Amino acid sequence: MRALVTGWASFLHGEATAGDVASLHRVAARLATDGIDHDIVLSPEFAPGATHFDDTDPNDYTHVLFCCGPVHGWQVEELHNRYSGCTRIAVGVSVIDPESPATKGFHTLLPRDGPGLRTSPDLAAGLDPCDTPVVGAVLAPAQPEYGDRTKHGETHEVLRRWLAGLDAARIPLDTRLARGDWRLCSTPEAFVALVARTDVLVTTRLHGLVLALSAGVPALAVDPISGGGKVTAQARAQDWPAVIGADELSETELDRWWRWCRSDEGACRAAAARRSAGTDSSPLDALARHLHAAALE
């Protein structure tokens, strides 16, 4: 017996969702436990280095398992045609039309829901995050006031490529506030609450750095200004070492400071920064002295 594990995440024109891929992996894990030889098919758009349909010979398999999602449409029908000599089983799927060719093409249906069917928990239920770190990313817009020292384009290109390859849950964040846009926070406190739920914040914005440290979250700061701008200056003011200049930026440097931010030392330094955040009142004291002096003139 040899099984091919498939689903909507397997199709070139399908969709690789977290639930779909988790379901494929759960089925494959059970097959491995039971000692059943198997392969998983993933879309070349999602996983270029994985096994794709074009890599498989239908004659090499006795069973084709279709996991999760709706059993509906031409792509499922093509699956039946391509693997017509295999026993085809759908597990954890939604049945839309029991009489459709896509549904009737399976030898066995083990659905999660459908007309007149008893519902069952989805295969993705119980997924363990495995301590995957959560990284927020706050990228600054262009800052023309720095003239030809601005390197936002080059800096963000390196950052985006590095972030895409990072083994982490990546969340794009924006310090802009809005009252009517649900995608943006409406108060500074809400933004800090969001940042506080990340493990590391990667940022090219000054306030990304400041608010991360205010929340006790290690910030991996990148200054997009050649020669150093306000991000570098603020990191110096807060005695925060994890800052990379635009001229020194590389994936090697990002990896190094990522490991530091994830280390006990990085966590301790961020916690200390949180305790001291806002305690320096010298700018406000200077402002008060200036205003009082002006009032006496």
Protein backbone atom coordinates (compact mmCIF):
# COMPACT_ATOMS: atom_id res chain seq x y z
CA MET A 1 0.00 0.00 0.00
CA ARG A 2 1.19 3.49 -0.86
CA ALA A 3 -0.92 6.62 -0.44
CA LEU A 4 -0.81 10.05 -2.02
CA VAL A 5 -2.02 12.79 0.35
CA THR A 6 -3.71 15.67 -1.48
CA GLY A 7 -6.03 18.60 -0.90
CA TRP A 8 -6.75 22.09 -2.15
CA ALA A 9 -3.21 23.10 -1.16
CA SER A 10 -1.98 20.59 -3.77
CA PHE A 11 -3.56 22.25 -6.81
CA LEU A 12 -1.65 24.75 -8.93
CA HIS A 13 -4.78 26.91 -9.00
CA GLY A 14 -5.84 26.00 -5.48
CA GLU A 15 -5.19 27.75 -2.21
CA ALA A 16 -2.79 26.83 0.57
CA THR A 17 -4.50 27.88 3.78
CA ALA A 18 -3.23 27.14 7.29
CA GLY A 19 -6.11 24.74 7.87
CA ASP A 20 -5.64 22.90 4.58
CA VAL A 21 -1.92 22.34 5.05
CA ALA A 22 -2.35 21.42 8.72
CA SER A 23 -4.91 18.80 7.67
CA LEU A 24 -2.52 17.30 5.11
CA HIS A 25 0.20 17.08 7.73
CA ARG A 26 -2.12 15.51 10.30
CA VAL A 27 -3.24 12.81 7.87
CA ALA A 28 0.38 12.18 6.83
CA ALA A 29 1.43 11.91 10.48
CA ARG A 30 -1.23 9.26 11.10
CA LEU A 31 -0.10 7.33 8.03
CA ALA A 32 3.49 7.44 9.31
CA THR A 33 2.36 6.18 12.73
CA ASP A 34 0.52 3.30 11.06
CA GLY A 35 3.53 2.46 8.90
CA ILE A 36 1.85 3.36 5.60
CA ASP A 37 4.18 4.66 2.88
CA HIS A 38 2.98 7.98 1.51
CA ASP A 39 3.82 11.25 -0.24
CA ILE A 40 2.28 14.69 0.20
CA VAL A 41 1.52 16.84 -2.84
CA LEU A 42 1.78 20.62 -2.50
CA SER A 43 1.26 23.33 -5.09
CA PRO A 44 4.43 24.53 -6.86
CA GLU A 45 3.23 28.08 -6.24
CA PHE A 46 3.25 27.50 -2.48
CA ALA A 47 6.13 25.05 -2.08
CA PRO A 48 8.44 25.00 -5.14
CA GLY A 49 10.71 22.35 -3.65
CA ALA A 50 7.97 19.93 -2.60
CA THR A 51 6.39 16.99 -4.45
CA HIS A 52 3.96 18.19 -7.14
CA PHE A 53 1.38 16.31 -9.17
CA ASP A 54 3.72 16.32 -12.18
CA ASP A 55 6.30 14.50 -10.06
CA THR A 56 3.98 11.58 -9.36
CA ASP A 57 3.20 8.50 -11.41
CA PRO A 58 -0.37 7.37 -10.68
CA ASN A 59 0.77 3.77 -11.07
CA ASP A 60 3.00 4.16 -8.02
CA TYR A 61 0.04 4.58 -5.64
CA THR A 62 -2.76 2.37 -4.41
CA HIS A 63 -4.70 5.12 -2.64
CA VAL A 64 -5.30 8.84 -3.10
CA LEU A 65 -6.49 10.73 -0.05
CA PHE A 66 -8.17 14.11 -0.45
CA CYS A 67 -8.14 16.08 2.80
CA CYS A 68 -10.10 19.12 3.96
CA GLY A 69 -12.02 21.70 1.95
CA PRO A 70 -15.01 21.22 -0.35
CA VAL A 71 -15.25 18.21 -2.68
CA HIS A 72 -16.44 20.33 -5.55
CA GLY A 73 -15.29 21.62 -8.94
CA TRP A 74 -13.22 20.71 -11.97
CA GLN A 75 -9.92 20.32 -10.13
CA VAL A 76 -11.33 17.56 -7.92
CA GLU A 77 -12.83 15.94 -11.00
CA GLU A 78 -9.42 16.01 -12.69
CA LEU A 79 -7.97 14.30 -9.63
CA HIS A 80 -10.37 11.42 -10.19
CA ASN A 81 -9.39 11.17 -13.84
CA ARG A 82 -5.65 11.30 -13.23
CA TYR A 83 -5.75 8.68 -10.46
CA SER A 84 -8.60 6.59 -11.80
CA GLY A 85 -6.75 3.37 -11.00
CA CYS A 86 -6.36 4.28 -7.31
CA THR A 87 -8.80 3.93 -4.44
CA ARG A 88 -9.85 7.49 -3.70
CA ILE A 89 -10.90 8.55 -0.21
CA ALA A 90 -12.05 12.01 0.91
CA VAL A 91 -11.55 12.75 4.61
CA GLY A 92 -12.49 15.80 6.66
CA VAL A 93 -14.19 17.45 3.66
CA SER A 94 -17.32 19.52 3.08
CA VAL A 95 -19.87 17.93 0.77
CA ILE A 96 -21.59 20.64 -1.28
CA ASP A 97 -23.54 18.51 -3.75
CA PRO A 98 -23.72 14.77 -3.01
CA GLU A 99 -24.61 14.07 -6.65
CA SER A 100 -21.78 16.04 -8.26
CA PRO A 101 -19.04 14.17 -10.19
CA ALA A 102 -16.47 15.56 -7.77
CA THR A 103 -18.27 13.97 -4.82
CA LYS A 104 -19.38 10.74 -6.46
CA GLY A 105 -15.87 10.10 -7.77
CA PHE A 106 -14.66 9.05 -4.32
CA HIS A 107 -14.90 5.43 -3.27
CA THR A 108 -15.23 6.47 0.36
CA LEU A 109 -16.41 9.74 1.92
CA LEU A 110 -15.48 10.63 5.51
CA PRO A 111 -16.91 14.17 5.56
CA ARG A 112 -16.81 16.86 8.22
CA ASP A 113 -20.14 18.37 7.07
CA GLY A 114 -22.73 18.31 4.32
CA PRO A 115 -26.48 18.07 3.65
CA GLY A 116 -28.01 15.59 6.07
CA LEU A 117 -24.60 14.49 7.34
CA ARG A 118 -23.38 14.42 10.90
CA THR A 119 -20.70 17.05 11.45
CA SER A 120 -17.27 16.17 12.81
CA PRO A 121 -14.32 18.25 14.07
CA ASP A 122 -12.03 19.57 11.37
CA LEU A 123 -8.70 17.78 10.88
CA ALA A 124 -6.78 20.95 11.74
CA ALA A 125 -8.21 21.05 15.27
CA GLY A 126 -5.61 20.71 17.99
CA LEU A 127 -2.72 22.11 15.96
CA ASP A 128 0.28 22.82 18.20
CA PRO A 129 2.07 26.11 17.41
CA CYS A 130 5.33 24.48 18.56
CA ASP A 131 6.58 27.71 20.17
CA THR A 132 6.72 29.46 16.81
CA PRO A 133 7.89 33.05 17.45
CA VAL A 134 5.62 35.93 16.46
CA VAL A 135 7.43 38.79 14.74
CA GLY A 136 5.83 42.13 13.98
CA ALA A 137 7.19 44.28 11.16
CA VAL A 138 6.85 48.06 11.03
CA LEU A 139 8.36 49.62 7.91
CA ALA A 140 8.78 53.36 7.51
CA PRO A 141 7.49 55.27 4.48
CA ALA A 142 9.89 57.32 2.36
CA GLN A 143 11.50 60.19 4.26
CA PRO A 144 12.53 62.73 1.60
CA GLU A 145 13.76 65.15 4.25
CA TYR A 146 16.98 63.10 4.38
CA GLY A 147 17.66 63.72 0.68
CA ASP A 148 20.02 61.32 -1.06
CA ARG A 149 20.83 59.60 2.26
CA THR A 150 17.52 57.75 2.17
CA LYS A 151 17.86 54.03 1.42
CA HIS A 152 14.31 52.91 2.12
CA GLY A 153 13.91 50.99 -1.14
CA GLU A 154 17.09 48.95 -0.80
CA THR A 155 16.62 48.48 2.94
CA HIS A 156 13.06 47.24 2.68
CA GLU A 157 13.90 44.92 -0.21
CA VAL A 158 16.47 43.14 1.97
CA LEU A 159 14.11 43.10 4.94
CA ARG A 160 11.17 41.68 2.98
CA ARG A 161 13.30 38.92 1.50
CA TRP A 162 14.73 38.05 4.92
CA LEU A 163 11.34 38.14 6.63
CA ALA A 164 9.84 35.88 3.95
CA GLY A 165 12.40 33.20 4.80
CA LEU A 166 12.09 33.57 8.56
CA ASP A 167 10.65 30.62 10.48
CA ALA A 168 8.14 32.74 12.38
CA ALA A 169 4.58 34.03 12.35
CA ARG A 170 4.97 37.36 10.56
CA ILE A 171 2.56 40.24 11.19
CA PRO A 172 2.72 43.50 9.21
CA LEU A 173 2.00 46.38 11.58
CA ASP A 174 1.43 50.08 11.01
CA THR A 175 1.92 52.88 13.51
CA ARG A 176 -0.64 55.03 11.65
CA LEU A 177 -3.86 55.49 13.60
CA ALA A 178 -7.38 55.80 12.17
CA ARG A 179 -10.90 55.97 13.57
CA GLY A 180 -12.75 54.46 10.65
CA ASP A 181 -10.31 51.88 9.29
CA TRP A 182 -10.62 48.54 11.12
CA ARG A 183 -7.16 47.50 9.88
CA LEU A 184 -5.45 50.24 11.89
CA CYS A 185 -5.41 50.90 15.63
CA SER A 186 -7.33 53.95 16.81
CA THR A 187 -5.22 54.74 19.90
CA PRO A 188 -1.52 54.54 20.79
CA GLU A 189 -2.42 52.21 23.66
CA ALA A 190 -4.08 49.79 21.25
CA PHE A 191 -0.98 49.72 19.08
CA VAL A 192 1.27 49.01 22.05
CA ALA A 193 -1.11 46.25 23.16
CA LEU A 194 -0.69 44.70 19.71
CA VAL A 195 3.10 44.98 19.80
CA ALA A 196 3.17 43.48 23.30
CA ARG A 197 1.80 40.24 21.88
CA THR A 198 4.77 39.78 19.56
CA ASP A 199 8.10 38.20 20.49
CA VAL A 200 10.24 40.53 18.39
CA LEU A 201 9.46 43.70 16.44
CA VAL A 202 11.44 44.35 13.25
CA THR A 203 11.24 48.02 12.39
CA THR A 204 12.68 50.85 10.32
CA ARG A 205 10.54 53.39 12.18
CA LEU A 206 11.69 55.30 15.23
CA HIS A 207 8.37 54.77 17.00
CA GLY A 208 8.45 51.09 16.19
CA LEU A 209 11.63 50.92 18.25
CA VAL A 210 10.34 53.17 21.04
CA LEU A 211 6.97 51.50 21.47
CA ALA A 212 8.39 47.98 21.29
CA LEU A 213 10.81 48.72 24.11
CA SER A 214 8.00 50.43 26.04
CA ALA A 215 6.15 47.11 25.85
CA GLY A 216 9.26 45.13 26.83
CA VAL A 217 9.52 43.56 23.37
CA PRO A 218 13.00 43.24 21.79
CA ALA A 219 13.23 45.46 18.72
CA LEU A 220 15.41 44.59 15.75
CA ALA A 221 15.83 48.10 14.39
CA VAL A 222 17.16 48.95 10.94
CA ASP A 223 18.01 52.54 10.14
CA PRO A 224 17.10 53.23 6.48
CA ILE A 225 19.22 56.40 6.40
CA SER A 226 22.80 56.13 5.13
CA GLY A 227 25.20 57.24 7.84
CA GLY A 228 22.52 56.95 10.50
CA GLY A 229 19.37 58.94 11.19
CA LYS A 230 16.81 59.20 13.95
CA VAL A 231 16.45 55.43 14.43
CA THR A 232 20.15 55.08 15.26
CA ALA A 233 20.01 58.17 17.47
CA GLN A 234 17.04 56.83 19.42
CA ALA A 235 18.64 53.42 19.86
CA ARG A 236 21.67 55.20 21.29
CA ALA A 237 19.47 57.30 23.58
CA GLN A 238 17.83 54.14 24.93
CA ASP A 239 21.11 52.18 25.08
CA TRP A 240 19.65 49.58 22.74
CA PRO A 241 22.25 47.59 20.78
CA ALA A 242 20.09 45.80 18.18
CA VAL A 243 20.23 48.41 15.44
CA ILE A 244 21.68 47.94 11.96
CA GLY A 245 22.65 50.84 9.73
CA ALA A 246 21.54 50.92 6.12
CA ASP A 247 25.15 50.70 4.97
CA GLU A 248 25.81 47.57 7.05
CA LEU A 249 22.53 45.79 6.36
CA SER A 250 22.74 42.16 5.27
CA GLU A 251 20.84 38.96 5.94
CA THR A 252 23.82 37.77 8.00
CA GLU A 253 23.51 40.81 10.28
CA LEU A 254 19.74 40.35 10.50
CA ASP A 255 20.22 36.70 11.48
CA ARG A 256 22.75 37.68 14.14
CA TRP A 257 20.56 40.28 15.77
CA TRP A 258 17.46 38.07 15.42
CA ARG A 259 19.19 35.40 17.48
CA TRP A 260 20.19 38.04 20.05
CA CYS A 261 16.65 39.42 20.29
CA ARG A 262 15.39 35.86 20.86
CA SER A 263 18.03 35.17 23.51
CA ASP A 264 17.73 35.55 27.28
CA GLU A 265 20.05 38.55 27.08
CA GLY A 266 17.81 40.26 24.53
CA ALA A 267 14.70 39.59 26.62
CA CYS A 268 16.38 40.92 29.77
CA ARG A 269 17.55 44.08 28.01
CA ALA A 270 14.05 44.68 26.64
CA ALA A 271 12.53 44.17 30.10
CA ALA A 272 14.98 46.68 31.56
CA ALA A 273 14.11 49.14 28.76
CA ARG A 274 10.44 48.77 29.65
CA ARG A 275 11.12 49.55 33.32
CA SER A 276 13.03 52.70 32.42
CA ALA A 277 10.70 53.84 29.61
CA GLY A 278 9.31 57.30 30.21
CA THR A 279 11.33 57.90 33.38
CA ASP A 280 13.61 60.52 31.80
CA SER A 281 11.71 63.77 32.23
CA SER A 282 14.54 66.07 31.16
CA PRO A 283 12.86 67.17 27.88
CA LEU A 284 9.66 68.03 29.74
CA ASP A 285 11.60 69.74 32.53
CA ALA A 286 13.42 71.86 29.95
CA LEU A 287 10.11 72.73 28.29
CA ALA A 288 8.59 73.74 31.62
CA ARG A 289 11.56 75.97 32.46
CA HIS A 290 11.30 77.64 29.08
CA LEU A 291 7.56 78.26 29.46
CA HIS A 292 7.91 79.57 33.01
CA ALA A 293 10.70 81.89 31.94
CA ALA A 294 8.60 83.16 29.04
CA ALA A 295 5.67 83.78 31.38
CA LEU A 296 7.85 85.98 33.59
CA GLU A 297 9.00 88.19 30.72
